[in-house]
Amino acid sequence: MLGRSRAARLALLLAIASLGASLAGCGGSSDNGVASKTAPEILAATRAAAQSASSVHVNSESGIGITKSALDAALGTQQGHTRLSFAGLRIEEIRTGSTLYVKGNRVLDARLESTLGVKIPSGVWLKGTVGGPLPGTALTSITKELPVILSSPGQLTKGPTTTIDGKPAIELKQTTPLYTGTLYVATTGKPYPILLRKTGRETGEITFTGWNDPITVSAPANALDISKLERKAG
C-alpha cells in the first residue's frame, strides 16, 4: 500500500501529464475540419484563408511544350517583390505602398516603347504608381494574384489525405483541357494552400510558403519616373 506522500506525488504527476496532453491537443496543429468538406467547399475555404493572409511567398515553374515560365513572388497587401520570366520576357517588380518599380529585358522595353511611345533606356528601373501605365501591379499583390492562381477552371474532385513537406493535407483535384491539377490544402491550422502540381499538356509546380511573414523591400536607386518620360515624348 502506498504511503500518503507517495500517493499524493503520483496523483500530482498524473494531473500534470493530463494537463500537458490537454494543452497539446488545443495547439495550432489541431485539425481544421477542411478534410470533411466537399471539393467546392475546400476550394472556397482555402481561397478565403489565402485572401485573409497578409503575405505569402509563391514559387512557380511551369511549361507548355517549349514555352516555359517561372515566377518567384513575395506577395503582400502593401509591399511585394516579384521576378517573372515567360516566352522571352523577363520582368522584375517591386511595390511599396502605391509606388511601383519595374525593370525588364529588351522584350519588355520594346512593348513599353510601343505602348507609351517613348524610348526606354536599357537596364533601368522605371518608377510609376499602382494602376498607372506600368504593367504588372497584380504580380506583387496577394489580393489580386492569388485569386488567379487559385481559380478553378475545370471539374473539382476531392482526393485522399496525405502529407506534404511534413504537413498534413487534403488533395483537391482539378481537371481542365490543359492539365490535371492537384492542389494540396493544409488540414491543420488555417487551410492554406501548400502546393499545386500540374500534369498533362501543361506541367509544373506552384509552392506556397511563408504565410504572413514580413516582406522587406527597398526602392531601387536612380529609378526613372515614367511620367517624366511621357512628358518628354509629348
Protein backbone atom coordinates (compact mmCIF):
# COMPACT_ATOMS: atom_id res chain seq x y z
CA MET A 1 0.00 0.00 0.00
CA LEU A 2 1.37 3.43 -0.99
CA GLY A 3 2.14 5.94 1.70
CA ARG A 4 0.21 9.18 1.71
CA SER A 5 3.15 11.24 0.44
CA ARG A 6 3.93 8.84 -2.42
CA ALA A 7 0.23 8.67 -3.38
CA ALA A 8 0.00 12.46 -3.39
CA ARG A 9 3.09 12.75 -5.60
CA LEU A 10 1.71 10.16 -8.02
CA ALA A 11 -1.63 11.96 -8.23
CA LEU A 12 0.19 15.23 -8.92
CA LEU A 13 2.28 13.67 -11.70
CA LEU A 14 -0.82 12.17 -13.33
CA ALA A 15 -2.57 15.53 -13.18
CA ILE A 16 0.40 17.29 -14.82
CA ALA A 17 0.57 14.66 -17.58
CA SER A 18 -3.16 15.01 -18.21
CA LEU A 19 -2.89 18.80 -18.38
CA GLY A 20 0.03 18.59 -20.82
CA ALA A 21 -1.91 16.28 -23.15
CA SER A 22 -4.90 18.60 -22.99
CA LEU A 23 -2.82 21.65 -23.86
CA ALA A 24 -1.12 19.82 -26.74
CA GLY A 25 -4.50 18.99 -28.22
CA CYS A 26 -5.50 22.67 -28.17
CA GLY A 27 -2.42 23.93 -30.03
CA GLY A 28 -2.05 25.33 -33.56
CA SER A 29 -1.66 21.82 -35.04
CA SER A 30 -5.31 20.91 -34.39
CA ASP A 31 -7.45 19.62 -37.26
CA ASN A 32 -9.25 22.45 -39.09
CA GLY A 33 -12.07 20.24 -40.41
CA VAL A 34 -11.46 21.03 -44.07
CA ALA A 35 -10.93 17.36 -44.99
CA SER A 36 -14.60 16.62 -44.25
CA LYS A 37 -15.84 19.28 -46.69
CA THR A 38 -16.83 18.83 -50.33
CA ALA A 39 -14.41 19.75 -53.10
CA PRO A 40 -16.02 23.16 -53.82
CA GLU A 41 -16.14 23.88 -50.08
CA ILE A 42 -12.43 23.03 -49.73
CA LEU A 43 -11.54 25.40 -52.56
CA ALA A 44 -13.69 28.14 -51.05
CA ALA A 45 -12.09 27.62 -47.65
CA THR A 46 -8.51 27.73 -48.93
CA ARG A 47 -9.21 30.80 -51.08
CA ALA A 48 -10.77 32.56 -48.09
CA ALA A 49 -7.79 31.68 -45.89
CA ALA A 50 -5.35 32.89 -48.54
CA GLN A 51 -7.22 36.15 -49.01
CA SER A 52 -7.18 36.82 -45.27
CA ALA A 53 -3.38 36.48 -45.09
CA SER A 54 -1.08 39.50 -45.14
CA SER A 55 1.63 37.86 -47.27
CA VAL A 56 2.86 34.68 -48.94
CA HIS A 57 5.86 33.53 -50.97
CA VAL A 58 4.87 31.89 -54.26
CA ASN A 59 7.37 29.97 -56.37
CA SER A 60 6.25 28.54 -59.70
CA GLU A 61 7.82 26.74 -62.65
CA SER A 62 5.62 25.52 -65.49
CA GLY A 63 5.60 24.91 -69.21
CA ILE A 64 3.51 24.07 -72.26
CA GLY A 65 5.75 22.41 -74.81
CA ILE A 66 8.82 24.58 -75.33
CA THR A 67 7.19 27.62 -73.69
CA LYS A 68 8.41 27.88 -70.13
CA SER A 69 7.55 30.27 -67.31
CA ALA A 70 8.98 30.90 -63.86
CA LEU A 71 7.66 33.05 -61.03
CA ASP A 72 9.30 33.95 -57.73
CA ALA A 73 6.99 36.30 -55.85
CA ALA A 74 6.67 37.73 -52.36
CA LEU A 75 3.05 38.86 -52.41
CA GLY A 76 1.74 41.25 -49.78
CA THR A 77 -1.02 43.75 -49.15
CA GLN A 78 1.19 46.85 -49.02
CA GLN A 79 4.50 45.55 -50.39
CA GLY A 80 5.71 42.96 -52.85
CA HIS A 81 8.67 41.80 -54.91
CA THR A 82 8.29 39.60 -57.99
CA ARG A 83 10.51 38.11 -60.69
CA LEU A 84 8.79 36.64 -63.75
CA SER A 85 10.04 35.09 -66.98
CA PHE A 86 7.75 33.94 -69.77
CA ALA A 87 8.23 33.37 -73.51
CA GLY A 88 11.36 35.51 -73.72
CA LEU A 89 10.00 38.19 -71.39
CA ARG A 90 11.80 38.88 -68.12
CA ILE A 91 10.43 41.34 -65.61
CA GLU A 92 11.20 42.31 -62.01
CA GLU A 93 8.80 44.37 -59.94
CA ILE A 94 8.91 46.00 -56.53
CA ARG A 95 5.87 47.62 -54.93
CA THR A 96 5.84 49.69 -51.79
CA GLY A 97 2.55 51.34 -50.91
CA SER A 98 1.18 52.95 -54.08
CA THR A 99 4.57 53.15 -55.81
CA LEU A 100 5.59 50.56 -58.38
CA TYR A 101 9.09 49.92 -59.75
CA VAL A 102 9.58 47.84 -62.90
CA LYS A 103 12.68 46.59 -64.71
CA GLY A 104 12.74 44.21 -67.65
CA ASN A 105 14.74 42.97 -70.60
CA ARG A 106 14.57 44.39 -74.11
CA VAL A 107 11.42 42.38 -74.85
CA LEU A 108 9.58 44.30 -72.12
CA ASP A 109 11.21 47.60 -73.08
CA ALA A 110 10.07 47.17 -76.69
CA ARG A 111 6.50 46.53 -75.58
CA LEU A 112 6.51 49.60 -73.33
CA GLU A 113 8.01 51.74 -76.10
CA SER A 114 5.27 50.60 -78.48
CA THR A 115 2.52 51.22 -75.92
CA LEU A 116 3.76 54.52 -74.45
CA GLY A 117 5.54 55.96 -77.47
CA VAL A 118 8.74 56.69 -75.53
CA LYS A 119 12.30 55.41 -75.64
CA ILE A 120 13.09 53.18 -72.64
CA PRO A 121 16.78 53.19 -71.60
CA SER A 122 18.10 49.66 -71.37
CA GLY A 123 18.52 48.06 -67.94
CA VAL A 124 16.98 50.85 -65.84
CA TRP A 125 14.31 50.76 -63.16
CA LEU A 126 11.11 52.61 -64.08
CA LYS A 127 9.03 54.24 -61.38
CA GLY A 128 5.27 54.68 -61.54
CA THR A 129 2.12 54.42 -59.50
CA VAL A 130 -0.15 51.45 -58.90
CA GLY A 131 -2.79 51.46 -61.61
CA GLY A 132 -0.64 53.64 -63.87
CA PRO A 133 0.89 52.82 -67.28
CA LEU A 134 3.48 50.35 -65.94
CA PRO A 135 2.34 46.72 -66.23
CA GLY A 136 2.02 44.06 -63.59
CA THR A 137 0.64 45.62 -60.42
CA ALA A 138 -1.24 42.38 -59.72
CA LEU A 139 2.01 40.41 -59.79
CA THR A 140 3.02 41.86 -56.41
CA SER A 141 -0.41 41.85 -54.73
CA ILE A 142 -1.70 38.98 -52.62
CA THR A 143 -5.29 40.14 -53.08
CA LYS A 144 -5.04 40.25 -56.89
CA GLU A 145 -2.61 37.49 -57.88
CA LEU A 146 -3.74 34.66 -55.58
CA PRO A 147 -7.35 34.52 -56.87
CA VAL A 148 -5.90 33.97 -60.36
CA ILE A 149 -3.58 31.19 -59.16
CA LEU A 150 -6.32 29.54 -57.08
CA SER A 151 -9.08 29.74 -59.69
CA SER A 152 -10.90 26.52 -60.62
CA PRO A 153 -11.26 26.40 -64.41
CA GLY A 154 -12.33 22.74 -64.51
CA GLN A 155 -14.06 19.92 -62.66
CA LEU A 156 -13.20 19.51 -58.97
CA THR A 157 -12.95 16.25 -57.03
CA LYS A 158 -11.67 15.51 -53.54
CA GLY A 159 -8.72 13.18 -53.13
CA PRO A 160 -7.24 11.44 -50.08
CA THR A 161 -5.42 12.95 -47.15
CA THR A 162 -1.63 12.94 -47.34
CA THR A 163 1.47 14.74 -46.07
CA ILE A 164 3.38 17.44 -47.98
CA ASP A 165 6.72 18.59 -46.58
CA GLY A 166 5.70 17.20 -43.20
CA LYS A 167 2.34 18.99 -43.22
CA PRO A 168 -0.97 17.09 -43.17
CA ALA A 169 -3.01 17.96 -46.27
CA ILE A 170 -6.04 17.03 -48.36
CA GLU A 171 -5.86 16.63 -52.13
CA LEU A 172 -8.15 18.67 -54.35
CA LYS A 173 -8.05 17.58 -57.98
CA GLN A 174 -8.83 19.88 -60.93
CA THR A 175 -9.41 18.54 -64.44
CA THR A 176 -9.02 21.04 -67.30
CA PRO A 177 -8.37 20.76 -71.07
CA LEU A 178 -4.71 21.72 -70.48
CA TYR A 179 -3.82 19.86 -67.31
CA THR A 180 -4.86 17.77 -64.35
CA GLY A 181 -4.01 19.71 -61.23
CA THR A 182 -3.67 18.54 -57.65
CA LEU A 183 -3.95 21.26 -55.02
CA TYR A 184 -2.80 20.27 -51.55
CA VAL A 185 -4.60 22.15 -48.76
CA ALA A 186 -3.45 22.17 -45.12
CA THR A 187 -5.73 20.24 -42.78
CA THR A 188 -4.23 21.74 -39.61
CA GLY A 189 -4.18 25.40 -38.63
CA LYS A 190 -5.65 27.62 -41.34
CA PRO A 191 -6.48 25.78 -44.59
CA TYR A 192 -3.76 27.48 -46.61
CA PRO A 193 -2.76 26.04 -49.98
CA ILE A 194 0.61 24.27 -49.79
CA LEU A 195 1.31 23.02 -53.29
CA LEU A 196 -0.33 22.95 -56.73
CA ARG A 197 1.03 20.30 -59.09
CA LYS A 198 0.05 20.16 -62.78
CA THR A 199 0.42 17.27 -65.23
CA GLY A 200 -0.71 16.97 -68.85
CA ARG A 201 -0.09 19.40 -71.72
CA GLU A 202 0.83 21.98 -69.07
CA THR A 203 3.19 20.75 -66.39
CA GLY A 204 4.70 22.36 -63.32
CA GLU A 205 4.50 23.10 -59.62
CA ILE A 206 3.49 26.10 -57.55
CA THR A 207 4.53 26.22 -53.88
CA PHE A 208 3.06 28.47 -51.20
CA THR A 209 5.24 29.23 -48.17
CA GLY A 210 5.92 31.98 -45.64
CA TRP A 211 2.30 32.81 -44.90
CA ASN A 212 2.07 36.15 -43.04
CA ASP A 213 5.85 36.59 -42.94
CA PRO A 214 7.08 40.22 -43.15
CA ILE A 215 8.09 41.46 -46.61
CA THR A 216 11.00 43.89 -46.70
CA VAL A 217 11.65 45.81 -49.91
CA SER A 218 13.82 48.78 -50.80
CA ALA A 219 13.17 51.35 -53.50
CA PRO A 220 15.71 50.94 -56.35
CA ALA A 221 18.21 53.77 -56.64
CA ASN A 222 18.10 56.13 -59.64
CA ALA A 223 14.72 54.88 -60.91
CA LEU A 224 13.30 56.90 -63.82
CA ASP A 225 9.82 58.34 -63.32
CA ILE A 226 7.67 57.07 -66.20
CA SER A 227 5.55 60.22 -66.12
CA LYS A 228 8.62 62.33 -66.95
CA LEU A 229 9.46 60.11 -69.88
CA GLU A 230 5.91 60.55 -71.12
CA ARG A 231 6.15 64.36 -70.87
CA LYS A 232 9.40 64.38 -72.85
CA ALA A 233 7.75 62.34 -75.59
CA GLY A 234 4.87 64.78 -75.75
